[in-house]
Amino acid sequence: MRTRGATCVTRQRRQWMMPWQRMETLGTIATIEHIIRKFRELIDTDSSIPPELRRALHDTLDEHLFEAKRRVLLKAH
């Protein structure tokens, strides 16, 4: 169990490290979102992809986006 002092020290350490780390993390997430958005555009503009497959591809991209963001956020902490 953490004491109040240990919690404050941990919080201070996070606050001290956060500005550069936050910018790096947000930049990485923005890059990932941009790449996923481009894939979505390709999926939506390709007329040879049937609607059922489009839905499945978008669902897969949603899962990958969520997992990628989770990995980036876990790495930052």
PDB file of N, CA and C in Angstrom:
ATOM      1  N   MET A   1       0.843  -1.182   0.000  1.00  0.00           N
ATOM      2  CA  MET A   1       0.000   0.000   0.000  1.00  0.00           C
ATOM      3  C   MET A   1       0.887   1.244   0.000  1.00  0.00           C
ATOM      4  N   ARG A   2       0.546   2.204  -0.822  1.00  0.00           N
ATOM      5  CA  ARG A   2       1.316   3.439  -0.901  1.00  0.00           C
ATOM      6  C   ARG A   2       0.926   4.388   0.212  1.00  0.00           C
ATOM      7  N   THR A   3       1.910   5.107   0.652  1.00  0.00           N
ATOM      8  CA  THR A   3       1.616   6.153   1.627  1.00  0.00           C
ATOM      9  C   THR A   3       1.318   7.433   0.875  1.00  0.00           C
ATOM     10  N   ARG A   4       0.831   8.390   1.592  1.00  0.00           N
ATOM     11  CA  ARG A   4       0.494   9.658   0.961  1.00  0.00           C
ATOM     12  C   ARG A   4       1.734  10.315   0.365  1.00  0.00           C
ATOM     13  N   GLY A   5       2.850  10.247   1.060  1.00  0.00           N
ATOM     14  CA  GLY A   5       4.095  10.839   0.566  1.00  0.00           C
ATOM     15  C   GLY A   5       4.581  10.180  -0.707  1.00  0.00           C
ATOM     16  N   ALA A   6       4.486   8.862  -0.773  1.00  0.00           N
ATOM     17  CA  ALA A   6       4.926   8.140  -1.971  1.00  0.00           C
ATOM     18  C   ALA A   6       4.063   8.514  -3.168  1.00  0.00           C
ATOM     19  N   THR A   7       2.780   8.688  -2.939  1.00  0.00           N
ATOM     20  CA  THR A   7       1.884   9.078  -4.020  1.00  0.00           C
ATOM     21  C   THR A   7       2.236  10.464  -4.526  1.00  0.00           C
ATOM     22  N   CYS A   8       2.529  11.386  -3.630  1.00  0.00           N
ATOM     23  CA  CYS A   8       2.892  12.745  -4.020  1.00  0.00           C
ATOM     24  C   CYS A   8       4.193  12.761  -4.813  1.00  0.00           C
ATOM     25  N   VAL A   9       5.174  11.962  -4.383  1.00  0.00           N
ATOM     26  CA  VAL A   9       6.450  11.896  -5.095  1.00  0.00           C
ATOM     27  C   VAL A   9       6.233  11.350  -6.500  1.00  0.00           C
ATOM     28  N   THR A  10       5.428  10.299  -6.616  1.00  0.00           N
ATOM     29  CA  THR A  10       5.139   9.718  -7.926  1.00  0.00           C
ATOM     30  C   THR A  10       4.437  10.740  -8.809  1.00  0.00           C
ATOM     31  N   ARG A  11       3.484  11.451  -8.258  1.00  0.00           N
ATOM     32  CA  ARG A  11       2.759  12.464  -9.015  1.00  0.00           C
ATOM     33  C   ARG A  11       3.706  13.577  -9.457  1.00  0.00           C
ATOM     34  N   GLN A  12       4.605  14.016  -8.574  1.00  0.00           N
ATOM     35  CA  GLN A  12       5.563  15.054  -8.930  1.00  0.00           C
ATOM     36  C   GLN A  12       6.490  14.571 -10.035  1.00  0.00           C
ATOM     37  N   ARG A  13       6.937  13.329  -9.946  1.00  0.00           N
ATOM     38  CA  ARG A  13       7.823  12.780 -10.963  1.00  0.00           C
ATOM     39  C   ARG A  13       7.111  12.763 -12.314  1.00  0.00           C
ATOM     40  N   ARG A  14       5.855  12.363 -12.337  1.00  0.00           N
ATOM     41  CA  ARG A  14       5.088  12.348 -13.588  1.00  0.00           C
ATOM     42  C   ARG A  14       4.941  13.757 -14.147  1.00  0.00           C
ATOM     43  N   GLN A  15       4.637  14.715 -13.282  1.00  0.00           N
ATOM     44  CA  GLN A  15       4.463  16.083 -13.739  1.00  0.00           C
ATOM     45  C   GLN A  15       5.770  16.640 -14.284  1.00  0.00           C
ATOM     46  N   TRP A  16       6.893  16.264 -13.682  1.00  0.00           N
ATOM     47  CA  TRP A  16       8.181  16.756 -14.131  1.00  0.00           C
ATOM     48  C   TRP A  16       8.523  16.198 -15.508  1.00  0.00           C
ATOM     49  N   MET A  17       8.168  14.939 -15.762  1.00  0.00           N
ATOM     50  CA  MET A  17       8.519  14.292 -17.012  1.00  0.00           C
ATOM     51  C   MET A  17       7.485  14.529 -18.119  1.00  0.00           C
ATOM     52  N   MET A  18       6.314  14.939 -17.768  1.00  0.00           N
ATOM     53  CA  MET A  18       5.219  14.938 -18.722  1.00  0.00           C
ATOM     54  C   MET A  18       5.354  15.870 -19.927  1.00  0.00           C
ATOM     55  N   PRO A  19       5.809  17.111 -19.815  1.00  0.00           N
ATOM     56  CA  PRO A  19       5.733  18.000 -20.986  1.00  0.00           C
ATOM     57  C   PRO A  19       6.370  17.423 -22.254  1.00  0.00           C
ATOM     58  N   TRP A  20       7.606  16.987 -22.209  1.00  0.00           N
ATOM     59  CA  TRP A  20       8.238  16.449 -23.421  1.00  0.00           C
ATOM     60  C   TRP A  20       7.657  15.094 -23.785  1.00  0.00           C
ATOM     61  N   GLN A  21       7.346  14.323 -22.759  1.00  0.00           N
ATOM     62  CA  GLN A  21       6.807  12.989 -22.994  1.00  0.00           C
ATOM     63  C   GLN A  21       5.405  13.079 -23.594  1.00  0.00           C
ATOM     64  N   ARG A  22       4.633  14.027 -23.098  1.00  0.00           N
ATOM     65  CA  ARG A  22       3.274  14.212 -23.606  1.00  0.00           C
ATOM     66  C   ARG A  22       3.304  14.626 -25.074  1.00  0.00           C
ATOM     67  N   MET A  23       4.208  15.544 -25.428  1.00  0.00           N
ATOM     68  CA  MET A  23       4.300  15.991 -26.814  1.00  0.00           C
ATOM     69  C   MET A  23       4.709  14.841 -27.737  1.00  0.00           C
ATOM     70  N   GLU A  24       5.653  14.046 -27.293  1.00  0.00           N
ATOM     71  CA  GLU A  24       6.090  12.899 -28.089  1.00  0.00           C
ATOM     72  C   GLU A  24       4.952  11.893 -28.264  1.00  0.00           C
ATOM     73  N   THR A  25       4.245  11.635 -27.185  1.00  0.00           N
ATOM     74  CA  THR A  25       3.133  10.682 -27.221  1.00  0.00           C
ATOM     75  C   THR A  25       2.017  11.178 -28.130  1.00  0.00           C
ATOM     76  N   LEU A  26       1.654  12.446 -27.989  1.00  0.00           N
ATOM     77  CA  LEU A  26       0.589  13.005 -28.827  1.00  0.00           C
ATOM     78  C   LEU A  26       0.990  13.023 -30.297  1.00  0.00           C
ATOM     79  N   GLY A  27       2.263  13.305 -30.562  1.00  0.00           N
ATOM     80  CA  GLY A  27       2.748  13.279 -31.940  1.00  0.00           C
ATOM     81  C   GLY A  27       2.678  11.888 -32.541  1.00  0.00           C
ATOM     82  N   THR A  28       3.043  10.896 -31.753  1.00  0.00           N
ATOM     83  CA  THR A  28       2.986   9.510 -32.221  1.00  0.00           C
ATOM     84  C   THR A  28       1.549   9.095 -32.500  1.00  0.00           C
ATOM     85  N   ILE A  29       0.643   9.446 -31.598  1.00  0.00           N
ATOM     86  CA  ILE A  29      -0.770   9.106 -31.791  1.00  0.00           C
ATOM     87  C   ILE A  29      -1.326   9.815 -33.026  1.00  0.00           C
ATOM     88  N   ALA A  30      -0.948  11.076 -33.224  1.00  0.00           N
ATOM     89  CA  ALA A  30      -1.416  11.811 -34.407  1.00  0.00           C
ATOM     90  C   ALA A  30      -0.925  11.149 -35.691  1.00  0.00           C
ATOM     91  N   THR A  31       0.308  10.670 -35.689  1.00  0.00           N
ATOM     92  CA  THR A  31       0.852   9.981 -36.859  1.00  0.00           C
ATOM     93  C   THR A  31       0.092   8.691 -37.134  1.00  0.00           C
ATOM     94  N   ILE A  32      -0.163   7.933 -36.085  1.00  0.00           N
ATOM     95  CA  ILE A  32      -0.919   6.682 -36.240  1.00  0.00           C
ATOM     96  C   ILE A  32      -2.315   6.970 -36.784  1.00  0.00           C
ATOM     97  N   GLU A  33      -2.986   7.981 -36.225  1.00  0.00           N
ATOM     98  CA  GLU A  33      -4.330   8.329 -36.689  1.00  0.00           C
ATOM     99  C   GLU A  33      -4.313   8.757 -38.155  1.00  0.00           C
ATOM    100  N   HIS A  34      -3.272   9.485 -38.560  1.00  0.00           N
ATOM    101  CA  HIS A  34      -3.147   9.925 -39.948  1.00  0.00           C
ATOM    102  C   HIS A  34      -3.018   8.724 -40.888  1.00  0.00           C
ATOM    103  N   ILE A  35      -2.186   7.770 -40.514  1.00  0.00           N
ATOM    104  CA  ILE A  35      -1.995   6.570 -41.334  1.00  0.00           C
ATOM    105  C   ILE A  35      -3.301   5.785 -41.453  1.00  0.00           C
ATOM    106  N   ILE A  36      -3.991   5.613 -40.329  1.00  0.00           N
ATOM    107  CA  ILE A  36      -5.270   4.884 -40.344  1.00  0.00           C
ATOM    108  C   ILE A  36      -6.295   5.622 -41.201  1.00  0.00           C
ATOM    109  N   ARG A  37      -6.305   6.958 -41.099  1.00  0.00           N
ATOM    110  CA  ARG A  37      -7.239   7.764 -41.897  1.00  0.00           C
ATOM    111  C   ARG A  37      -6.982   7.559 -43.397  1.00  0.00           C
ATOM    112  N   LYS A  38      -5.705   7.480 -43.780  1.00  0.00           N
ATOM    113  CA  LYS A  38      -5.363   7.249 -45.188  1.00  0.00           C
ATOM    114  C   LYS A  38      -5.843   5.870 -45.653  1.00  0.00           C
ATOM    115  N   PHE A  39      -5.682   4.864 -44.804  1.00  0.00           N
ATOM    116  CA  PHE A  39      -6.202   3.537 -45.140  1.00  0.00           C
ATOM    117  C   PHE A  39      -7.718   3.578 -45.310  1.00  0.00           C
ATOM    118  N   ARG A  40      -8.397   4.318 -44.439  1.00  0.00           N
ATOM    119  CA  ARG A  40      -9.859   4.433 -44.541  1.00  0.00           C
ATOM    120  C   ARG A  40     -10.261   5.083 -45.870  1.00  0.00           C
ATOM    121  N   GLU A  41      -9.514   6.112 -46.268  1.00  0.00           N
ATOM    122  CA  GLU A  41      -9.799   6.769 -47.545  1.00  0.00           C
ATOM    123  C   GLU A  41      -9.633   5.794 -48.706  1.00  0.00           C
ATOM    124  N   LEU A  42      -8.581   4.991 -48.661  1.00  0.00           N
ATOM    125  CA  LEU A  42      -8.370   3.992 -49.707  1.00  0.00           C
ATOM    126  C   LEU A  42      -9.520   2.989 -49.750  1.00  0.00           C
ATOM    127  N   ILE A  43      -9.933   2.537 -48.583  1.00  0.00           N
ATOM    128  CA  ILE A  43     -11.032   1.566 -48.503  1.00  0.00           C
ATOM    129  C   ILE A  43     -12.321   2.172 -49.058  1.00  0.00           C
ATOM    130  N   ASP A  44     -12.601   3.419 -48.688  1.00  0.00           N
ATOM    131  CA  ASP A  44     -13.859   4.052 -49.090  1.00  0.00           C
ATOM    132  C   ASP A  44     -13.887   4.457 -50.562  1.00  0.00           C
ATOM    133  N   THR A  45     -12.734   4.699 -51.161  1.00  0.00           N
ATOM    134  CA  THR A  45     -12.719   5.164 -52.552  1.00  0.00           C
ATOM    135  C   THR A  45     -12.515   4.042 -53.565  1.00  0.00           C
ATOM    136  N   ASP A  46     -12.179   2.858 -53.097  1.00  0.00           N
ATOM    137  CA  ASP A  46     -11.979   1.727 -54.011  1.00  0.00           C
ATOM    138  C   ASP A  46     -13.322   1.047 -54.273  1.00  0.00           C
ATOM    139  N   SER A  47     -13.824   1.222 -55.484  1.00  0.00           N
ATOM    140  CA  SER A  47     -15.157   0.692 -55.809  1.00  0.00           C
ATOM    141  C   SER A  47     -15.185  -0.827 -55.930  1.00  0.00           C
ATOM    142  N   SER A  48     -14.025  -1.460 -55.989  1.00  0.00           N
ATOM    143  CA  SER A  48     -14.006  -2.920 -56.114  1.00  0.00           C
ATOM    144  C   SER A  48     -14.202  -3.632 -54.767  1.00  0.00           C
ATOM    145  N   ILE A  49     -14.222  -2.867 -53.671  1.00  0.00           N
ATOM    146  CA  ILE A  49     -14.400  -3.467 -52.342  1.00  0.00           C
ATOM    147  C   ILE A  49     -15.892  -3.485 -52.009  1.00  0.00           C
ATOM    148  N   PRO A  50     -16.472  -4.661 -51.786  1.00  0.00           N
ATOM    149  CA  PRO A  50     -17.898  -4.742 -51.444  1.00  0.00           C
ATOM    150  C   PRO A  50     -18.186  -4.128 -50.061  1.00  0.00           C
ATOM    151  N   PRO A  51     -19.405  -3.638 -49.855  1.00  0.00           N
ATOM    152  CA  PRO A  51     -19.763  -2.984 -48.590  1.00  0.00           C
ATOM    153  C   PRO A  51     -19.501  -3.839 -47.347  1.00  0.00           C
ATOM    154  N   GLU A  52     -19.771  -5.144 -47.432  1.00  0.00           N
ATOM    155  CA  GLU A  52     -19.557  -6.011 -46.261  1.00  0.00           C
ATOM    156  C   GLU A  52     -18.077  -6.049 -45.884  1.00  0.00           C
ATOM    157  N   LEU A  53     -17.231  -6.122 -46.909  1.00  0.00           N
ATOM    158  CA  LEU A  53     -15.791  -6.151 -46.662  1.00  0.00           C
ATOM    159  C   LEU A  53     -15.307  -4.807 -46.129  1.00  0.00           C
ATOM    160  N   ARG A  54     -15.879  -3.721 -46.638  1.00  0.00           N
ATOM    161  CA  ARG A  54     -15.513  -2.384 -46.133  1.00  0.00           C
ATOM    162  C   ARG A  54     -15.772  -2.288 -44.635  1.00  0.00           C
ATOM    163  N   ARG A  55     -16.950  -2.747 -44.230  1.00  0.00           N
ATOM    164  CA  ARG A  55     -17.283  -2.716 -42.794  1.00  0.00           C
ATOM    165  C   ARG A  55     -16.269  -3.515 -41.991  1.00  0.00           C
ATOM    166  N   ALA A  56     -15.947  -4.695 -42.484  1.00  0.00           N
ATOM    167  CA  ALA A  56     -14.982  -5.551 -41.779  1.00  0.00           C
ATOM    168  C   ALA A  56     -13.605  -4.892 -41.723  1.00  0.00           C
ATOM    169  N   LEU A  57     -13.201  -4.262 -42.813  1.00  0.00           N
ATOM    170  CA  LEU A  57     -11.901  -3.580 -42.831  1.00  0.00           C
ATOM    171  C   LEU A  57     -11.885  -2.400 -41.857  1.00  0.00           C
ATOM    172  N   HIS A  58     -12.977  -1.637 -41.829  1.00  0.00           N
ATOM    173  CA  HIS A  58     -13.060  -0.512 -40.887  1.00  0.00           C
ATOM    174  C   HIS A  58     -13.047  -1.010 -39.438  1.00  0.00           C
ATOM    175  N   ASP A  59     -13.732  -2.100 -39.173  1.00  0.00           N
ATOM    176  CA  ASP A  59     -13.711  -2.679 -37.822  1.00  0.00           C
ATOM    177  C   ASP A  59     -12.297  -3.109 -37.440  1.00  0.00           C
ATOM    178  N   THR A  60     -11.602  -3.712 -38.388  1.00  0.00           N
ATOM    179  CA  THR A  60     -10.218  -4.130 -38.138  1.00  0.00           C
ATOM    180  C   THR A  60      -9.329  -2.922 -37.878  1.00  0.00           C
ATOM    181  N   LEU A  61      -9.514  -1.864 -38.667  1.00  0.00           N
ATOM    182  CA  LEU A  61      -8.728  -0.646 -38.445  1.00  0.00           C
ATOM    183  C   LEU A  61      -9.028  -0.043 -37.076  1.00  0.00           C
ATOM    184  N   ASP A  62     -10.303  -0.070 -36.668  1.00  0.00           N
ATOM    185  CA  ASP A  62     -10.663   0.436 -35.340  1.00  0.00           C
ATOM    186  C   ASP A  62      -9.910  -0.322 -34.247  1.00  0.00           C
ATOM    187  N   GLU A  63      -9.866  -1.641 -34.380  1.00  0.00           N
ATOM    188  CA  GLU A  63      -9.154  -2.460 -33.389  1.00  0.00           C
ATOM    189  C   GLU A  63      -7.664  -2.139 -33.374  1.00  0.00           C
ATOM    190  N   HIS A  64      -7.078  -2.026 -34.557  1.00  0.00           N
ATOM    191  CA  HIS A  64      -5.649  -1.725 -34.641  1.00  0.00           C
ATOM    192  C   HIS A  64      -5.342  -0.332 -34.087  1.00  0.00           C
ATOM    193  N   LEU A  65      -6.219   0.624 -34.374  1.00  0.00           N
ATOM    194  CA  LEU A  65      -6.019   1.979 -33.862  1.00  0.00           C
ATOM    195  C   LEU A  65      -6.075   1.987 -32.339  1.00  0.00           C
ATOM    196  N   PHE A  66      -7.062   1.313 -31.784  1.00  0.00           N
ATOM    197  CA  PHE A  66      -7.190   1.245 -30.329  1.00  0.00           C
ATOM    198  C   PHE A  66      -5.951   0.609 -29.697  1.00  0.00           C
ATOM    199  N   GLU A  67      -5.510  -0.514 -30.252  1.00  0.00           N
ATOM    200  CA  GLU A  67      -4.341  -1.217 -29.704  1.00  0.00           C
ATOM    201  C   GLU A  67      -3.069  -0.392 -29.859  1.00  0.00           C
ATOM    202  N   ALA A  68      -2.925   0.282 -30.979  1.00  0.00           N
ATOM    203  CA  ALA A  68      -1.736   1.110 -31.190  1.00  0.00           C
ATOM    204  C   ALA A  68      -1.693   2.261 -30.189  1.00  0.00           C
ATOM    205  N   LYS A  69      -2.829   2.910 -29.970  1.00  0.00           N
ATOM    206  CA  LYS A  69      -2.883   3.995 -28.982  1.00  0.00           C
ATOM    207  C   LYS A  69      -2.579   3.463 -27.583  1.00  0.00           C
ATOM    208  N   ARG A  70      -3.113   2.295 -27.275  1.00  0.00           N
ATOM    209  CA  ARG A  70      -2.873   1.696 -25.961  1.00  0.00           C
ATOM    210  C   ARG A  70      -1.383   1.424 -25.760  1.00  0.00           C
ATOM    211  N   ARG A  71      -0.736   0.868 -26.779  1.00  0.00           N
ATOM    212  CA  ARG A  71       0.701   0.578 -26.669  1.00  0.00           C
ATOM    213  C   ARG A  71       1.518   1.852 -26.486  1.00  0.00           C
ATOM    214  N   VAL A  72       1.165   2.897 -27.225  1.00  0.00           N
ATOM    215  CA  VAL A  72       1.892   4.166 -27.116  1.00  0.00           C
ATOM    216  C   VAL A  72       1.716   4.751 -25.721  1.00  0.00           C
ATOM    217  N   LEU A  73       0.493   4.734 -25.213  1.00  0.00           N
ATOM    218  CA  LEU A  73       0.241   5.295 -23.884  1.00  0.00           C
ATOM    219  C   LEU A  73       0.912   4.472 -22.788  1.00  0.00           C
ATOM    220  N   LEU A  74       0.931   3.160 -22.927  1.00  0.00           N
ATOM    221  CA  LEU A  74       1.611   2.318 -21.933  1.00  0.00           C
ATOM    222  C   LEU A  74       3.117   2.545 -21.961  1.00  0.00           C
ATOM    223  N   LYS A  75       3.653   2.725 -23.142  1.00  0.00           N
ATOM    224  CA  LYS A  75       5.091   2.966 -23.270  1.00  0.00           C
ATOM    225  C   LYS A  75       5.477   4.303 -22.623  1.00  0.00           C
ATOM    226  N   ALA A  76       4.582   5.278 -22.701  1.00  0.00           N
ATOM    227  CA  ALA A  76       4.857   6.604 -22.140  1.00  0.00           C
ATOM    228  C   ALA A  76       4.889   6.582 -20.618  1.00  0.00           C
ATOM    229  N   HIS A  77       4.229   5.606 -20.019  1.00  0.00           N
ATOM    230  CA  HIS A  77       4.207   5.542 -18.556  1.00  0.00           C
ATOM    231  C   HIS A  77       5.146   4.490 -18.152  1.00  0.00           C
TER     232      HIS A  77
END
